[in-house]
Amino acid sequence: MQIASGGAKLIAMSSALRRPMSLQAFLAWEERQELRFEFDGFEPVAMTGGSAAHGRILRNVVTALTTRLRGRPCQPFGSDMKILLAGGSIRYPDAFVVCVPVPDNATVVTEPTVVFEVLSPGTSRTDRIVKNREYRDTPSIRRYVILEQSSQAATVFTRAGDDWIGHLLTGDAVLEMPEIGISIPLAELYEDLTFPMEE
């Protein structure tokens, strides 16, 4: 009797713990947290720290975007700003560009145009698959740039009608972003990084 009763309680507790959190509840909850969390549409997901290489690439991306977009309608943001995606998930991209007005007191952007993620070993699957799907399903996003951390390379997904098409950029390639009217040499995004010689 005690085992059955305990098992029933565990099942009830497990069901209660797996109940999805609403977007509104997450946003209210996250405001009270010291650390940052993403929201996968079901529950909070803790953000992890990055390496020195990750930080350098991110710095280069934000600098390149800021320099080229100064005085234009589109504006870049770094990883301290969150975006709301189709399906109700909340993400903190490493960088993104938005081309609609964003009020100074805004904490969530709803219409990003270009999104950047710098891959890390612990986030690679999420960035390549889960976030890729979320970004694809968000109509305002026209381009998703996935930057490798261990080599000078990027996988770039672009919207072409109903298709979401990926291209690989390496070496001296130039990242073209006609959606926001700029282009950036891939090498500029990897400034101050060195990679082992590839055989």
C-alpha atoms as a PDB file:
ATOM      1  CA  MET A   1       0.000   0.000   0.000  1.00  0.00           C
ATOM      2  CA  GLN A   2       2.771   2.434   0.883  1.00  0.00           C
ATOM      3  CA  ILE A   3       4.678   1.682  -2.317  1.00  0.00           C
ATOM      4  CA  ALA A   4       1.597   2.140  -4.481  1.00  0.00           C
ATOM      5  CA  SER A   5       0.705   5.352  -2.685  1.00  0.00           C
ATOM      6  CA  GLY A   6       4.236   6.692  -3.047  1.00  0.00           C
ATOM      7  CA  GLY A   7       4.292   5.747  -6.716  1.00  0.00           C
ATOM      8  CA  ALA A   8       1.040   7.594  -7.306  1.00  0.00           C
ATOM      9  CA  LYS A   9       2.456  10.661  -5.596  1.00  0.00           C
ATOM     10  CA  LEU A  10       5.594  10.502  -7.742  1.00  0.00           C
ATOM     11  CA  ILE A  11       3.517  10.258 -10.916  1.00  0.00           C
ATOM     12  CA  ALA A  12       1.395  13.210  -9.825  1.00  0.00           C
ATOM     13  CA  MET A  13       4.494  15.247  -8.977  1.00  0.00           C
ATOM     14  CA  SER A  14       6.137  14.335 -12.278  1.00  0.00           C
ATOM     15  CA  SER A  15       3.033  15.421 -14.192  1.00  0.00           C
ATOM     16  CA  ALA A  16       2.915  18.695 -12.284  1.00  0.00           C
ATOM     17  CA  LEU A  17       6.599  19.382 -12.971  1.00  0.00           C
ATOM     18  CA  ARG A  18       6.158  18.736 -16.702  1.00  0.00           C
ATOM     19  CA  ARG A  19       3.237  21.131 -17.086  1.00  0.00           C
ATOM     20  CA  PRO A  20       4.245  23.735 -19.700  1.00  0.00           C
ATOM     21  CA  MET A  21       5.002  27.245 -18.474  1.00  0.00           C
ATOM     22  CA  SER A  22       3.205  30.024 -20.315  1.00  0.00           C
ATOM     23  CA  LEU A  23       5.167  32.718 -22.138  1.00  0.00           C
ATOM     24  CA  GLN A  24       3.794  35.402 -19.811  1.00  0.00           C
ATOM     25  CA  ALA A  25       4.736  33.355 -16.736  1.00  0.00           C
ATOM     26  CA  PHE A  26       8.262  32.834 -18.097  1.00  0.00           C
ATOM     27  CA  LEU A  27       8.820  36.542 -18.807  1.00  0.00           C
ATOM     28  CA  ALA A  28       7.632  37.481 -15.317  1.00  0.00           C
ATOM     29  CA  TRP A  29       9.747  34.727 -13.754  1.00  0.00           C
ATOM     30  CA  GLU A  30      12.907  35.606 -15.727  1.00  0.00           C
ATOM     31  CA  GLU A  31      12.780  39.235 -14.595  1.00  0.00           C
ATOM     32  CA  ARG A  32      13.427  38.015 -11.038  1.00  0.00           C
ATOM     33  CA  GLN A  33      16.420  35.819 -11.965  1.00  0.00           C
ATOM     34  CA  GLU A  34      20.054  36.852 -11.640  1.00  0.00           C
ATOM     35  CA  LEU A  35      21.062  34.674 -14.603  1.00  0.00           C
ATOM     36  CA  ARG A  36      19.629  34.624 -18.109  1.00  0.00           C
ATOM     37  CA  PHE A  37      17.318  31.911 -19.357  1.00  0.00           C
ATOM     38  CA  GLU A  38      15.856  31.096 -22.767  1.00  0.00           C
ATOM     39  CA  PHE A  39      12.365  29.654 -23.127  1.00  0.00           C
ATOM     40  CA  ASP A  40      11.775  26.709 -25.458  1.00  0.00           C
ATOM     41  CA  GLY A  41       8.006  27.107 -25.415  1.00  0.00           C
ATOM     42  CA  PHE A  42       7.733  24.626 -22.544  1.00  0.00           C
ATOM     43  CA  GLU A  43      10.213  25.501 -19.793  1.00  0.00           C
ATOM     44  CA  PRO A  44      13.191  27.776 -18.970  1.00  0.00           C
ATOM     45  CA  VAL A  45      16.598  26.777 -20.364  1.00  0.00           C
ATOM     46  CA  ALA A  46      19.692  28.085 -18.554  1.00  0.00           C
ATOM     47  CA  MET A  47      22.236  30.029 -20.608  1.00  0.00           C
ATOM     48  CA  THR A  48      25.854  28.893 -20.375  1.00  0.00           C
ATOM     49  CA  GLY A  49      29.096  30.849 -20.542  1.00  0.00           C
ATOM     50  CA  GLY A  50      31.324  30.939 -23.609  1.00  0.00           C
ATOM     51  CA  SER A  51      35.036  30.653 -24.421  1.00  0.00           C
ATOM     52  CA  ALA A  52      37.470  33.443 -25.305  1.00  0.00           C
ATOM     53  CA  ALA A  53      37.120  32.505 -28.989  1.00  0.00           C
ATOM     54  CA  HIS A  54      33.330  32.766 -28.720  1.00  0.00           C
ATOM     55  CA  GLY A  55      33.682  36.207 -27.144  1.00  0.00           C
ATOM     56  CA  ARG A  56      36.083  37.445 -29.828  1.00  0.00           C
ATOM     57  CA  ILE A  57      33.858  36.281 -32.683  1.00  0.00           C
ATOM     58  CA  LEU A  58      30.822  37.846 -31.048  1.00  0.00           C
ATOM     59  CA  ARG A  59      32.692  41.127 -30.527  1.00  0.00           C
ATOM     60  CA  ASN A  60      33.758  41.138 -34.181  1.00  0.00           C
ATOM     61  CA  VAL A  61      30.204  40.467 -35.378  1.00  0.00           C
ATOM     62  CA  VAL A  62      28.669  43.267 -33.316  1.00  0.00           C
ATOM     63  CA  THR A  63      31.456  45.701 -34.279  1.00  0.00           C
ATOM     64  CA  ALA A  64      31.129  44.924 -37.995  1.00  0.00           C
ATOM     65  CA  LEU A  65      27.347  45.290 -37.883  1.00  0.00           C
ATOM     66  CA  THR A  66      27.423  48.497 -35.837  1.00  0.00           C
ATOM     67  CA  THR A  67      29.991  50.144 -38.113  1.00  0.00           C
ATOM     68  CA  ARG A  68      28.093  49.330 -41.312  1.00  0.00           C
ATOM     69  CA  LEU A  69      24.576  50.023 -40.035  1.00  0.00           C
ATOM     70  CA  ARG A  70      25.259  53.343 -38.312  1.00  0.00           C
ATOM     71  CA  GLY A  71      22.808  55.945 -39.620  1.00  0.00           C
ATOM     72  CA  ARG A  72      20.612  53.332 -41.316  1.00  0.00           C
ATOM     73  CA  PRO A  73      17.126  52.142 -40.359  1.00  0.00           C
ATOM     74  CA  CYS A  74      18.300  48.671 -39.269  1.00  0.00           C
ATOM     75  CA  GLN A  75      20.113  48.311 -35.960  1.00  0.00           C
ATOM     76  CA  PRO A  76      22.177  45.517 -34.391  1.00  0.00           C
ATOM     77  CA  PHE A  77      21.874  44.037 -30.924  1.00  0.00           C
ATOM     78  CA  GLY A  78      24.154  41.694 -29.007  1.00  0.00           C
ATOM     79  CA  SER A  79      23.461  38.748 -26.770  1.00  0.00           C
ATOM     80  CA  ASP A  80      21.897  40.773 -23.962  1.00  0.00           C
ATOM     81  CA  MET A  81      18.608  41.267 -25.840  1.00  0.00           C
ATOM     82  CA  LYS A  82      16.009  38.544 -26.336  1.00  0.00           C
ATOM     83  CA  ILE A  83      13.717  37.822 -29.271  1.00  0.00           C
ATOM     84  CA  LEU A  84      10.252  36.268 -29.447  1.00  0.00           C
ATOM     85  CA  LEU A  85       9.931  33.578 -32.109  1.00  0.00           C
ATOM     86  CA  ALA A  86       7.083  31.789 -33.835  1.00  0.00           C
ATOM     87  CA  GLY A  87       5.691  29.101 -31.564  1.00  0.00           C
ATOM     88  CA  GLY A  88       6.243  31.246 -28.472  1.00  0.00           C
ATOM     89  CA  SER A  89       9.885  30.494 -27.687  1.00  0.00           C
ATOM     90  CA  ILE A  90      12.278  33.135 -26.346  1.00  0.00           C
ATOM     91  CA  ARG A  91      15.929  33.145 -27.439  1.00  0.00           C
ATOM     92  CA  TYR A  92      19.018  35.252 -26.776  1.00  0.00           C
ATOM     93  CA  PRO A  93      20.888  35.086 -30.106  1.00  0.00           C
ATOM     94  CA  ASP A  94      24.570  35.955 -30.032  1.00  0.00           C
ATOM     95  CA  ALA A  95      23.681  38.891 -32.291  1.00  0.00           C
ATOM     96  CA  PHE A  96      20.811  39.996 -34.490  1.00  0.00           C
ATOM     97  CA  VAL A  97      19.608  42.875 -36.636  1.00  0.00           C
ATOM     98  CA  VAL A  98      16.123  44.385 -36.505  1.00  0.00           C
ATOM     99  CA  CYS A  99      14.747  46.784 -39.108  1.00  0.00           C
ATOM    100  CA  VAL A 100      11.664  48.070 -37.291  1.00  0.00           C
ATOM    101  CA  PRO A 101      11.669  50.672 -34.485  1.00  0.00           C
ATOM    102  CA  VAL A 102      12.530  49.282 -31.041  1.00  0.00           C
ATOM    103  CA  PRO A 103      11.482  51.434 -28.050  1.00  0.00           C
ATOM    104  CA  ASP A 104      14.210  52.239 -25.527  1.00  0.00           C
ATOM    105  CA  ASN A 105      12.321  50.422 -22.779  1.00  0.00           C
ATOM    106  CA  ALA A 106      11.745  47.238 -24.829  1.00  0.00           C
ATOM    107  CA  THR A 107      13.051  43.984 -23.361  1.00  0.00           C
ATOM    108  CA  VAL A 108      11.848  41.688 -26.174  1.00  0.00           C
ATOM    109  CA  VAL A 109      12.205  42.143 -29.946  1.00  0.00           C
ATOM    110  CA  THR A 110       9.497  40.543 -32.070  1.00  0.00           C
ATOM    111  CA  GLU A 111      10.666  41.086 -35.674  1.00  0.00           C
ATOM    112  CA  PRO A 112      14.376  40.317 -36.130  1.00  0.00           C
ATOM    113  CA  THR A 113      15.612  40.212 -39.737  1.00  0.00           C
ATOM    114  CA  VAL A 114      19.069  38.589 -39.488  1.00  0.00           C
ATOM    115  CA  VAL A 115      20.212  36.330 -36.633  1.00  0.00           C
ATOM    116  CA  PHE A 116      23.737  35.161 -35.693  1.00  0.00           C
ATOM    117  CA  GLU A 117      24.749  32.240 -33.496  1.00  0.00           C
ATOM    118  CA  VAL A 118      28.350  31.273 -32.659  1.00  0.00           C
ATOM    119  CA  LEU A 119      28.602  27.518 -32.205  1.00  0.00           C
ATOM    120  CA  SER A 120      29.880  26.006 -28.968  1.00  0.00           C
ATOM    121  CA  PRO A 121      30.319  22.279 -28.273  1.00  0.00           C
ATOM    122  CA  GLY A 122      27.437  22.295 -25.801  1.00  0.00           C
ATOM    123  CA  THR A 123      25.017  24.258 -28.001  1.00  0.00           C
ATOM    124  CA  SER A 124      25.820  22.938 -31.478  1.00  0.00           C
ATOM    125  CA  ARG A 125      22.820  20.619 -31.785  1.00  0.00           C
ATOM    126  CA  THR A 126      20.420  23.291 -30.482  1.00  0.00           C
ATOM    127  CA  ASP A 127      21.814  25.967 -32.812  1.00  0.00           C
ATOM    128  CA  ARG A 128      21.907  23.728 -35.900  1.00  0.00           C
ATOM    129  CA  ILE A 129      18.562  21.980 -35.438  1.00  0.00           C
ATOM    130  CA  VAL A 130      16.236  23.394 -32.782  1.00  0.00           C
ATOM    131  CA  LYS A 131      16.939  27.105 -33.232  1.00  0.00           C
ATOM    132  CA  ASN A 132      17.308  26.672 -36.982  1.00  0.00           C
ATOM    133  CA  ARG A 133      13.744  25.359 -37.111  1.00  0.00           C
ATOM    134  CA  GLU A 134      12.477  28.173 -34.881  1.00  0.00           C
ATOM    135  CA  TYR A 135      14.225  30.841 -36.956  1.00  0.00           C
ATOM    136  CA  ARG A 136      12.942  29.279 -40.183  1.00  0.00           C
ATOM    137  CA  ASP A 137       9.379  29.354 -38.842  1.00  0.00           C
ATOM    138  CA  THR A 138       9.603  33.044 -37.874  1.00  0.00           C
ATOM    139  CA  PRO A 139       8.571  35.013 -40.999  1.00  0.00           C
ATOM    140  CA  SER A 140      10.543  38.191 -40.226  1.00  0.00           C
ATOM    141  CA  ILE A 141      13.862  36.320 -40.163  1.00  0.00           C
ATOM    142  CA  ARG A 142      15.378  36.406 -43.636  1.00  0.00           C
ATOM    143  CA  ARG A 143      18.868  35.093 -42.835  1.00  0.00           C
ATOM    144  CA  TYR A 144      20.389  32.881 -40.131  1.00  0.00           C
ATOM    145  CA  VAL A 145      24.184  32.853 -39.844  1.00  0.00           C
ATOM    146  CA  ILE A 146      25.806  30.009 -37.890  1.00  0.00           C
ATOM    147  CA  LEU A 147      29.480  30.778 -37.217  1.00  0.00           C
ATOM    148  CA  GLU A 148      31.911  27.987 -36.417  1.00  0.00           C
ATOM    149  CA  GLN A 149      34.180  28.576 -33.441  1.00  0.00           C
ATOM    150  CA  SER A 150      36.972  26.166 -34.361  1.00  0.00           C
ATOM    151  CA  SER A 151      37.508  27.295 -37.973  1.00  0.00           C
ATOM    152  CA  GLN A 152      36.819  30.245 -40.259  1.00  0.00           C
ATOM    153  CA  ALA A 153      33.516  29.017 -41.644  1.00  0.00           C
ATOM    154  CA  ALA A 154      29.814  29.810 -41.588  1.00  0.00           C
ATOM    155  CA  THR A 155      26.631  28.046 -42.565  1.00  0.00           C
ATOM    156  CA  VAL A 156      24.118  30.591 -43.809  1.00  0.00           C
ATOM    157  CA  PHE A 157      20.411  29.882 -44.168  1.00  0.00           C
ATOM    158  CA  THR A 158      18.313  32.229 -46.284  1.00  0.00           C
ATOM    159  CA  ARG A 159      14.660  32.466 -47.128  1.00  0.00           C
ATOM    160  CA  ALA A 160      13.800  31.971 -50.796  1.00  0.00           C
ATOM    161  CA  GLY A 161      10.038  31.971 -51.164  1.00  0.00           C
ATOM    162  CA  ASP A 162       8.834  28.978 -49.184  1.00  0.00           C
ATOM    163  CA  ASP A 163      12.309  27.425 -49.100  1.00  0.00           C
ATOM    164  CA  TRP A 164      14.935  27.734 -46.351  1.00  0.00           C
ATOM    165  CA  ILE A 165      18.263  27.175 -48.085  1.00  0.00           C
ATOM    166  CA  GLY A 166      21.675  26.626 -46.481  1.00  0.00           C
ATOM    167  CA  HIS A 167      25.054  27.620 -47.939  1.00  0.00           C
ATOM    168  CA  LEU A 168      28.575  27.089 -46.621  1.00  0.00           C
ATOM    169  CA  LEU A 169      31.066  29.982 -46.521  1.00  0.00           C
ATOM    170  CA  THR A 170      34.772  29.448 -45.836  1.00  0.00           C
ATOM    171  CA  GLY A 171      38.114  31.203 -46.180  1.00  0.00           C
ATOM    172  CA  ASP A 172      38.006  34.512 -48.054  1.00  0.00           C
ATOM    173  CA  ALA A 173      34.257  34.370 -48.755  1.00  0.00           C
ATOM    174  CA  VAL A 174      32.090  37.438 -48.162  1.00  0.00           C
ATOM    175  CA  LEU A 175      28.895  37.265 -46.136  1.00  0.00           C
ATOM    176  CA  GLU A 176      26.329  39.078 -48.265  1.00  0.00           C
ATOM    177  CA  MET A 177      23.240  40.372 -46.466  1.00  0.00           C
ATOM    178  CA  PRO A 178      21.042  42.179 -48.996  1.00  0.00           C
ATOM    179  CA  GLU A 179      18.158  42.150 -46.478  1.00  0.00           C
ATOM    180  CA  ILE A 180      19.994  44.819 -44.503  1.00  0.00           C
ATOM    181  CA  GLY A 181      22.062  46.273 -47.363  1.00  0.00           C
ATOM    182  CA  ILE A 182      25.559  45.294 -46.187  1.00  0.00           C
ATOM    183  CA  SER A 183      28.267  42.675 -46.682  1.00  0.00           C
ATOM    184  CA  ILE A 184      31.087  41.545 -44.376  1.00  0.00           C
ATOM    185  CA  PRO A 185      34.213  39.569 -45.311  1.00  0.00           C
ATOM    186  CA  LEU A 186      34.179  36.349 -43.323  1.00  0.00           C
ATOM    187  CA  ALA A 187      37.785  37.005 -42.262  1.00  0.00           C
ATOM    188  CA  GLU A 188      36.669  40.171 -40.462  1.00  0.00           C
ATOM    189  CA  LEU A 189      34.427  38.125 -38.192  1.00  0.00           C
ATOM    190  CA  TYR A 190      37.434  35.979 -37.206  1.00  0.00           C
ATOM    191  CA  GLU A 191      39.903  38.793 -36.595  1.00  0.00           C
ATOM    192  CA  ASP A 192      42.336  38.073 -33.686  1.00  0.00           C
ATOM    193  CA  LEU A 193      41.683  34.320 -33.861  1.00  0.00           C
ATOM    194  CA  THR A 194      44.174  31.691 -34.977  1.00  0.00           C
ATOM    195  CA  PHE A 195      43.369  28.153 -36.052  1.00  0.00           C
ATOM    196  CA  PRO A 196      45.636  25.105 -36.399  1.00  0.00           C
ATOM    197  CA  MET A 197      46.781  24.414 -39.932  1.00  0.00           C
ATOM    198  CA  GLU A 198      44.425  21.984 -41.684  1.00  0.00           C
ATOM    199  CA  GLU A 199      46.048  19.139 -43.508  1.00  0.00           C
END
